[in-house]
């Protein structure tokens, strides 16, 4: 499948605390961009197709300067073997949190350039 993203996503260590579709879960973070965060699930907890429902999430990671709170919706569900990669789109997020994500992305790009040199 061809990637259609406008914004690069970067691997993220940490946890996402999600309250969506009447469920409260804590899951590992997969990646992050200025448009959303990816999470890993072991089951099809939210079905196999996005519903558009909006929920809240908290992202805690030692990679980020602070904890990020945002409202999200499921944008993409992709099966990877026995696991699911869920793409959560930021529906509402404070500008200060976007700046934190942008700073993390800048750091990742610098690290990539250094590794390539």
C-alpha atoms as a PDB file:
ATOM      1  CA  UNK A   1       0.000   0.000   0.000  1.00  0.00           C
ATOM      2  CA  UNK A   2       1.392   3.392  -0.980  1.00  0.00           C
ATOM      3  CA  UNK A   3       1.883   5.826   1.908  1.00  0.00           C
ATOM      4  CA  UNK A   4      -0.211   8.968   1.442  1.00  0.00           C
ATOM      5  CA  UNK A   5       0.893  10.944   4.488  1.00  0.00           C
ATOM      6  CA  UNK A   6       1.704  14.624   4.317  1.00  0.00           C
ATOM      7  CA  UNK A   7       3.569  14.483   7.629  1.00  0.00           C
ATOM      8  CA  UNK A   8       6.228  11.966   8.604  1.00  0.00           C
ATOM      9  CA  UNK A   9       5.644   9.804  11.612  1.00  0.00           C
ATOM     10  CA  UNK A  10       8.364   8.895  14.049  1.00  0.00           C
ATOM     11  CA  UNK A  11       8.666   5.915  16.379  1.00  0.00           C
ATOM     12  CA  UNK A  12       7.649   6.700  19.920  1.00  0.00           C
ATOM     13  CA  UNK A  13       8.351   4.811  23.120  1.00  0.00           C
ATOM     14  CA  UNK A  14       5.697   5.188  25.768  1.00  0.00           C
ATOM     15  CA  UNK A  15       2.080   4.560  26.578  1.00  0.00           C
ATOM     16  CA  UNK A  16      -1.226   5.914  25.364  1.00  0.00           C
ATOM     17  CA  UNK A  17      -4.143   6.042  27.777  1.00  0.00           C
ATOM     18  CA  UNK A  18      -7.260   5.995  25.642  1.00  0.00           C
ATOM     19  CA  UNK A  19     -10.906   6.543  26.528  1.00  0.00           C
ATOM     20  CA  UNK A  20     -12.939   5.746  23.415  1.00  0.00           C
ATOM     21  CA  UNK A  21     -16.123   3.861  22.523  1.00  0.00           C
ATOM     22  CA  UNK A  22     -16.941   3.304  26.180  1.00  0.00           C
ATOM     23  CA  UNK A  23     -13.575   1.641  26.816  1.00  0.00           C
ATOM     24  CA  UNK A  24     -10.615   2.798  28.898  1.00  0.00           C
ATOM     25  CA  UNK A  25      -7.348   1.175  27.879  1.00  0.00           C
ATOM     26  CA  UNK A  26      -3.609   1.614  28.264  1.00  0.00           C
ATOM     27  CA  UNK A  27      -1.613   0.562  25.200  1.00  0.00           C
ATOM     28  CA  UNK A  28       1.923   0.955  23.837  1.00  0.00           C
ATOM     29  CA  UNK A  29       2.580   3.859  21.499  1.00  0.00           C
ATOM     30  CA  UNK A  30       3.852   2.987  18.036  1.00  0.00           C
ATOM     31  CA  UNK A  31       4.537   6.334  16.388  1.00  0.00           C
ATOM     32  CA  UNK A  32       3.548   9.996  16.365  1.00  0.00           C
ATOM     33  CA  UNK A  33       3.161  12.882  13.934  1.00  0.00           C
ATOM     34  CA  UNK A  34       1.570  16.315  14.159  1.00  0.00           C
ATOM     35  CA  UNK A  35      -1.680  14.797  12.870  1.00  0.00           C
ATOM     36  CA  UNK A  36      -1.971  11.806  15.202  1.00  0.00           C
ATOM     37  CA  UNK A  37      -0.546   8.907  17.150  1.00  0.00           C
ATOM     38  CA  UNK A  38      -0.319   5.202  16.343  1.00  0.00           C
ATOM     39  CA  UNK A  39      -0.979   2.446  18.873  1.00  0.00           C
ATOM     40  CA  UNK A  40      -0.651  -1.337  18.918  1.00  0.00           C
ATOM     41  CA  UNK A  41      -3.509  -3.640  19.971  1.00  0.00           C
ATOM     42  CA  UNK A  42      -3.641  -7.424  20.291  1.00  0.00           C
ATOM     43  CA  UNK A  43      -7.309  -7.615  19.304  1.00  0.00           C
ATOM     44  CA  UNK A  44      -9.855  -5.817  17.144  1.00  0.00           C
ATOM     45  CA  UNK A  45     -11.094  -3.878  20.172  1.00  0.00           C
ATOM     46  CA  UNK A  46     -12.552  -1.116  17.995  1.00  0.00           C
ATOM     47  CA  UNK A  47     -13.744  -3.347  15.163  1.00  0.00           C
ATOM     48  CA  UNK A  48     -12.153  -3.533  11.748  1.00  0.00           C
ATOM     49  CA  UNK A  49     -13.306  -0.171  10.327  1.00  0.00           C
ATOM     50  CA  UNK A  50     -13.128   3.347  11.796  1.00  0.00           C
ATOM     51  CA  UNK A  51     -16.433   4.664  13.170  1.00  0.00           C
ATOM     52  CA  UNK A  52     -15.587   8.358  13.522  1.00  0.00           C
ATOM     53  CA  UNK A  53     -16.285   8.389  17.255  1.00  0.00           C
ATOM     54  CA  UNK A  54     -14.189  10.895  19.200  1.00  0.00           C
ATOM     55  CA  UNK A  55     -12.502  10.043  22.499  1.00  0.00           C
ATOM     56  CA  UNK A  56      -9.728  11.376  24.668  1.00  0.00           C
ATOM     57  CA  UNK A  57      -6.150  10.230  24.984  1.00  0.00           C
ATOM     58  CA  UNK A  58      -3.104  10.959  27.097  1.00  0.00           C
ATOM     59  CA  UNK A  59       0.338  10.234  25.671  1.00  0.00           C
ATOM     60  CA  UNK A  60       3.139   9.626  28.151  1.00  0.00           C
ATOM     61  CA  UNK A  61       6.631   9.137  26.782  1.00  0.00           C
ATOM     62  CA  UNK A  62      10.173   9.772  27.976  1.00  0.00           C
ATOM     63  CA  UNK A  63      10.835  10.965  24.391  1.00  0.00           C
ATOM     64  CA  UNK A  64       8.490  13.958  24.761  1.00  0.00           C
ATOM     65  CA  UNK A  65       9.031  17.066  26.883  1.00  0.00           C
ATOM     66  CA  UNK A  66       5.641  16.647  28.599  1.00  0.00           C
ATOM     67  CA  UNK A  67       2.498  14.535  28.714  1.00  0.00           C
ATOM     68  CA  UNK A  68       0.170  15.250  25.803  1.00  0.00           C
ATOM     69  CA  UNK A  69      -3.610  15.329  26.103  1.00  0.00           C
ATOM     70  CA  UNK A  70      -5.815  15.367  23.012  1.00  0.00           C
ATOM     71  CA  UNK A  71      -9.134  14.341  21.565  1.00  0.00           C
ATOM     72  CA  UNK A  72      -8.757  11.651  18.909  1.00  0.00           C
ATOM     73  CA  UNK A  73     -10.716   9.472  16.508  1.00  0.00           C
ATOM     74  CA  UNK A  74      -9.759   6.200  14.873  1.00  0.00           C
ATOM     75  CA  UNK A  75      -8.604   7.002  11.367  1.00  0.00           C
ATOM     76  CA  UNK A  76      -7.028   3.739  10.312  1.00  0.00           C
ATOM     77  CA  UNK A  77      -7.014   0.101  11.413  1.00  0.00           C
ATOM     78  CA  UNK A  78      -4.340  -2.124   9.910  1.00  0.00           C
ATOM     79  CA  UNK A  79      -3.835  -5.772  10.741  1.00  0.00           C
ATOM     80  CA  UNK A  80      -0.202  -6.801  11.184  1.00  0.00           C
ATOM     81  CA  UNK A  81      -0.132 -10.556  11.741  1.00  0.00           C
ATOM     82  CA  UNK A  82      -1.870 -11.182  15.065  1.00  0.00           C
ATOM     83  CA  UNK A  83      -1.742  -7.497  16.028  1.00  0.00           C
ATOM     84  CA  UNK A  84      -3.453  -4.304  14.937  1.00  0.00           C
ATOM     85  CA  UNK A  85      -1.888  -0.918  14.263  1.00  0.00           C
ATOM     86  CA  UNK A  86      -4.482   1.730  15.013  1.00  0.00           C
ATOM     87  CA  UNK A  87      -4.004   5.245  13.652  1.00  0.00           C
ATOM     88  CA  UNK A  88      -5.568   7.842  15.918  1.00  0.00           C
ATOM     89  CA  UNK A  89      -6.114  11.281  14.368  1.00  0.00           C
ATOM     90  CA  UNK A  90      -5.915  14.353  16.570  1.00  0.00           C
ATOM     91  CA  UNK A  91      -9.333  16.002  16.436  1.00  0.00           C
ATOM     92  CA  UNK A  92      -8.468  18.644  19.026  1.00  0.00           C
ATOM     93  CA  UNK A  93      -5.024  19.325  20.481  1.00  0.00           C
ATOM     94  CA  UNK A  94      -3.494  22.403  22.094  1.00  0.00           C
ATOM     95  CA  UNK A  95      -0.916  24.390  20.133  1.00  0.00           C
ATOM     96  CA  UNK A  96       1.637  23.891  22.925  1.00  0.00           C
ATOM     97  CA  UNK A  97       1.366  20.101  22.489  1.00  0.00           C
ATOM     98  CA  UNK A  98       1.833  20.427  18.729  1.00  0.00           C
ATOM     99  CA  UNK A  99       5.035  22.382  19.406  1.00  0.00           C
ATOM    100  CA  UNK A 100       6.243  19.548  21.687  1.00  0.00           C
ATOM    101  CA  UNK A 101       5.589  17.013  18.900  1.00  0.00           C
ATOM    102  CA  UNK A 102       7.318  19.236  16.324  1.00  0.00           C
ATOM    103  CA  UNK A 103      10.372  19.560  18.607  1.00  0.00           C
ATOM    104  CA  UNK A 104      10.511  15.757  18.945  1.00  0.00           C
ATOM    105  CA  UNK A 105      10.291  15.363  15.162  1.00  0.00           C
ATOM    106  CA  UNK A 106      13.111  17.861  14.660  1.00  0.00           C
ATOM    107  CA  UNK A 107      15.255  15.889  17.099  1.00  0.00           C
ATOM    108  CA  UNK A 108      14.464  12.653  15.230  1.00  0.00           C
ATOM    109  CA  UNK A 109      15.437  14.216  11.875  1.00  0.00           C
ATOM    110  CA  UNK A 110      18.736  15.426  13.347  1.00  0.00           C
ATOM    111  CA  UNK A 111      19.443  11.919  14.667  1.00  0.00           C
ATOM    112  CA  UNK A 112      18.615  10.407  11.256  1.00  0.00           C
ATOM    113  CA  UNK A 113      21.031  12.781   9.502  1.00  0.00           C
ATOM    114  CA  UNK A 114      23.806  12.022  11.969  1.00  0.00           C
ATOM    115  CA  UNK A 115      23.286   8.282  11.567  1.00  0.00           C
ATOM    116  CA  UNK A 116      23.434   8.616   7.775  1.00  0.00           C
ATOM    117  CA  UNK A 117      26.656  10.647   7.868  1.00  0.00           C
END
